[in-house]
N, C-alpha and C. Protein backbone atom coordinates (compact mmCIF):
# COMPACT_ATOMS: atom_id res chain seq x y z
N MET A 1 171.05 91.70 15.11
CA MET A 1 170.65 92.33 13.99
C MET A 1 170.42 91.36 13.09
N SER A 2 168.98 91.88 12.26
CA SER A 2 168.52 90.43 11.56
C SER A 2 168.78 91.61 10.27
N GLY A 3 168.41 90.60 9.09
CA GLY A 3 168.67 91.51 7.92
C GLY A 3 167.53 92.43 7.63
N ARG A 4 166.58 92.14 8.27
CA ARG A 4 165.65 93.30 7.77
C ARG A 4 165.45 94.29 9.23
N ASP A 5 166.05 93.88 10.00
CA ASP A 5 166.19 95.66 10.51
C ASP A 5 167.25 96.57 10.16
N LEU A 6 167.80 95.77 9.15
CA LEU A 6 168.94 97.65 8.34
C LEU A 6 167.72 98.34 6.89
N LYS A 7 168.33 99.26 7.40
CA LYS A 7 168.01 100.58 6.77
C LYS A 7 168.27 100.23 5.28
N GLN A 8 167.66 100.68 3.76
CA GLN A 8 167.95 100.01 2.63
C GLN A 8 168.37 101.42 2.31
N SER A 9 169.61 101.56 1.68
CA SER A 9 169.94 102.82 1.29
C SER A 9 169.73 103.00 -0.55
N THR A 10 169.33 104.05 -0.45
CA THR A 10 168.88 105.32 -1.67
C THR A 10 169.48 105.45 -2.72
N PRO A 11 168.91 106.02 -4.42
CA PRO A 11 170.09 106.24 -4.84
C PRO A 11 170.88 107.38 -4.53
N HIS A 12 169.96 108.07 -3.43
CA HIS A 12 170.42 109.52 -3.28
C HIS A 12 172.00 108.96 -2.11
N ASP A 13 171.44 108.36 -1.43
CA ASP A 13 172.72 108.26 -1.13
C ASP A 13 174.74 107.46 -1.53
N TYR A 14 174.03 107.02 -2.65
CA TYR A 14 175.45 106.43 -3.80
C TYR A 14 175.90 108.13 -4.42
N LEU A 15 174.45 109.18 -4.76
CA LEU A 15 175.17 109.98 -4.59
C LEU A 15 176.22 111.04 -4.29
N GLU A 16 175.68 111.43 -2.99
CA GLU A 16 176.52 111.91 -1.90
C GLU A 16 177.30 111.50 -1.82
N ILE A 17 178.01 109.98 -1.59
CA ILE A 17 179.01 109.57 -1.36
C ILE A 17 180.19 109.40 -2.52
N PHE A 18 179.43 109.23 -3.60
CA PHE A 18 180.18 108.69 -4.51
C PHE A 18 180.87 110.44 -5.54
N GLU A 19 179.71 111.18 -5.42
CA GLU A 19 179.74 112.28 -6.65
C GLU A 19 179.70 113.75 -5.28
N ASN A 20 179.18 113.50 -4.75
CA ASN A 20 179.38 114.74 -4.07
C ASN A 20 180.72 114.85 -2.80
N ASN A 21 181.43 113.96 -2.47
CA ASN A 21 181.75 113.55 -1.27
C ASN A 21 183.47 114.00 -1.89
N PRO A 22 184.57 114.47 -1.71
CA PRO A 22 185.52 114.21 -2.69
C PRO A 22 186.42 113.08 -2.23
N HIS A 23 186.28 112.88 -1.52
CA HIS A 23 187.29 111.41 -1.22
C HIS A 23 186.54 110.38 -2.01
N GLY A 24 184.50 110.07 -2.02
CA GLY A 24 183.81 109.37 -2.67
C GLY A 24 184.22 109.24 -4.15
N SER A 25 184.73 110.89 -4.61
CA SER A 25 184.96 110.65 -5.69
C SER A 25 186.16 109.92 -6.34
N LEU A 26 186.63 109.93 -5.19
CA LEU A 26 188.57 109.28 -5.86
C LEU A 26 188.32 108.10 -6.53
N ILE A 27 187.67 107.15 -4.49
CA ILE A 27 187.84 105.86 -4.69
C ILE A 27 186.78 105.58 -5.77
N LEU A 28 185.68 105.87 -6.48
CA LEU A 28 184.96 105.43 -7.76
C LEU A 28 186.23 105.78 -8.61
N GLU A 29 186.72 106.86 -8.87
CA GLU A 29 187.91 107.29 -9.54
C GLU A 29 188.09 105.16 -9.81
N GLU A 30 188.74 105.43 -8.95
CA GLU A 30 189.90 103.96 -9.01
C GLU A 30 189.10 103.00 -9.11
N LEU A 31 187.92 102.51 -8.59
CA LEU A 31 187.36 101.25 -8.84
C LEU A 31 186.94 101.26 -10.40
N THR A 32 186.43 102.83 -11.03
CA THR A 32 186.08 102.76 -12.61
C THR A 32 187.67 102.47 -13.11
N THR A 33 188.76 102.91 -12.55
CA THR A 33 190.02 102.58 -13.41
C THR A 33 190.12 100.59 -13.18
N ARG A 34 190.16 100.35 -12.20
CA ARG A 34 190.83 99.21 -11.81
C ARG A 34 189.69 98.60 -12.56
N PHE A 35 188.43 98.23 -12.58
CA PHE A 35 187.32 97.31 -12.56
C PHE A 35 186.80 97.92 -14.10
N GLY A 36 187.12 98.72 -14.89
CA GLY A 36 185.85 99.53 -15.40
C GLY A 36 186.27 99.11 -17.19
N GLY A 37 186.86 98.43 -16.91
CA GLY A 37 187.23 97.89 -18.10
C GLY A 37 187.38 97.02 -19.50
N SER A 38 187.02 96.37 -20.50
CA SER A 38 187.24 95.45 -20.92
C SER A 38 187.16 94.22 -19.94
N VAL A 39 186.32 93.32 -20.10
CA VAL A 39 185.51 91.64 -18.83
C VAL A 39 186.71 90.82 -19.75
N TYR A 40 186.72 90.72 -21.19
CA TYR A 40 186.63 89.97 -22.11
C TYR A 40 188.14 89.67 -22.00
N VAL A 41 188.38 88.06 -22.22
CA VAL A 41 189.89 87.57 -22.50
C VAL A 41 189.62 86.47 -23.32
N LYS A 42 190.52 86.93 -24.56
CA LYS A 42 190.55 85.52 -25.66
C LYS A 42 191.34 84.26 -24.77
N GLY A 43 190.69 83.04 -25.26
CA GLY A 43 191.28 82.17 -25.22
C GLY A 43 190.66 81.47 -24.99
N GLY A 44 191.25 79.93 -24.59
CA GLY A 44 190.37 78.79 -23.87
C GLY A 44 189.38 78.60 -22.57
N HIS A 45 189.81 77.58 -21.81
CA HIS A 45 188.80 77.45 -21.01
C HIS A 45 189.10 78.55 -20.13
N GLU A 46 190.73 78.96 -19.45
CA GLU A 46 191.39 79.50 -18.25
C GLU A 46 190.55 80.91 -18.56
N ALA A 47 190.81 81.08 -20.01
CA ALA A 47 190.17 82.48 -19.86
C ALA A 47 188.64 83.08 -20.03
N GLU A 48 187.65 81.66 -20.47
CA GLU A 48 186.42 81.87 -20.03
C GLU A 48 186.55 82.20 -18.58
N ARG A 49 187.33 81.48 -17.84
CA ARG A 49 186.51 81.39 -16.60
C ARG A 49 187.21 83.58 -15.40
N GLN A 50 188.47 83.49 -16.20
CA GLN A 50 189.25 84.96 -16.28
C GLN A 50 187.50 86.15 -16.27
N THR A 51 186.93 85.69 -17.98
CA THR A 51 186.61 86.37 -18.22
C THR A 51 184.97 86.58 -17.44
N THR A 52 184.60 85.28 -16.74
CA THR A 52 183.32 85.26 -15.70
C THR A 52 183.65 86.09 -14.37
N TYR A 53 185.36 85.77 -14.10
CA TYR A 53 185.62 86.67 -12.66
C TYR A 53 185.83 88.24 -12.75
N ASN A 54 186.00 88.57 -13.86
CA ASN A 54 186.24 90.27 -14.54
C ASN A 54 184.83 90.42 -14.24
N ALA A 55 183.91 89.73 -14.89
CA ALA A 55 182.61 90.22 -15.13
C ALA A 55 181.45 90.57 -13.87
N GLY A 56 182.41 89.53 -12.93
CA GLY A 56 181.75 89.62 -11.54
C GLY A 56 181.59 91.07 -10.76
N GLN A 57 183.43 91.12 -11.03
CA GLN A 57 183.48 93.09 -10.99
C GLN A 57 183.04 93.68 -10.92
N ARG A 58 183.51 93.80 -12.81
CA ARG A 58 182.52 94.92 -13.28
C ARG A 58 181.33 95.08 -12.54
N SER A 59 180.43 93.82 -12.38
CA SER A 59 178.83 94.11 -12.21
C SER A 59 178.50 95.31 -10.87
N VAL A 60 180.08 94.98 -10.01
CA VAL A 60 179.65 95.90 -8.53
C VAL A 60 179.22 97.04 -8.82
N LEU A 61 180.80 97.70 -9.89
CA LEU A 61 180.77 98.89 -10.86
C LEU A 61 179.71 99.32 -11.15
N ASP A 62 179.34 98.60 -12.18
CA ASP A 62 177.99 98.58 -12.81
C ASP A 62 176.50 98.85 -11.72
N PHE A 63 176.61 98.19 -10.95
CA PHE A 63 175.62 98.41 -9.89
C PHE A 63 175.77 99.70 -9.29
N ILE A 64 176.97 100.24 -8.40
CA ILE A 64 177.22 101.65 -8.14
C ILE A 64 176.84 102.81 -9.13
N LEU A 65 176.95 103.25 -10.36
CA LEU A 65 176.90 103.51 -11.27
C LEU A 65 175.67 103.48 -11.44
N MET A 66 174.72 102.66 -11.74
CA MET A 66 173.37 102.96 -11.98
C MET A 66 172.23 103.37 -11.18
N ARG A 67 173.23 103.63 -9.50
CA ARG A 67 172.00 103.74 -8.67
C ARG A 67 172.88 105.91 -8.60
N ILE A 68 173.70 106.07 -9.12
CA ILE A 68 174.24 107.32 -8.98
C ILE A 68 173.09 108.27 -10.58
N ASN A 69 173.09 107.31 -11.00
CA ASN A 69 172.66 107.14 -12.33
C ASN A 69 171.01 107.63 -12.50
N GLN A 70 170.10 107.08 -11.02
CA GLN A 70 169.19 106.89 -10.75
C GLN A 70 168.79 108.26 -10.28
N ALA A 71 169.86 108.09 -9.68
CA ALA A 71 169.54 109.91 -8.26
C ALA A 71 169.87 110.88 -9.18
N ASN A 72 170.53 110.98 -10.18
CA ASN A 72 170.41 111.52 -11.24
C ASN A 72 169.71 111.70 -12.15
N GLY A 73 168.50 110.72 -12.12
CA GLY A 73 166.82 111.14 -12.74
C GLY A 73 167.59 110.08 -14.36
N VAL A 74 168.44 109.25 -14.48
CA VAL A 74 168.81 108.71 -15.61
C VAL A 74 167.96 107.33 -15.70
N GLN A 75 167.52 106.94 -16.68
CA GLN A 75 166.32 106.08 -16.59
C GLN A 75 167.14 105.04 -16.71
N GLU A 76 166.57 103.67 -16.83
CA GLU A 76 167.86 102.59 -17.51
C GLU A 76 166.57 102.36 -18.80
N PRO A 77 168.02 101.25 -19.63
CA PRO A 77 166.76 101.07 -20.57
C PRO A 77 165.74 100.11 -20.59
N GLN A 78 164.90 99.80 -21.06
CA GLN A 78 164.45 98.78 -20.90
C GLN A 78 164.38 97.59 -21.38
N GLY A 79 164.29 96.76 -20.97
CA GLY A 79 165.03 94.92 -21.47
C GLY A 79 166.19 95.09 -21.19
N GLU A 80 166.72 95.26 -20.11
CA GLU A 80 168.23 95.17 -20.07
C GLU A 80 168.15 94.33 -18.28
């Protein structure tokens, strides 16, 4: 199956999975607790690398939350 054969998910799919499904709500809560904190780590080069790593993890959570917000009719701020 090629990538072109895959059905695209919709914001409503995220809403159904992460808000309307009790198991999904628990998973989203766990993801938010684990990856939703501050991404910045104070320090030198290693801290910069950790900050970048944390930001990458956070971006996945931010994407999920954005799709849920879209399903709920929340518009993204312009220019971001």
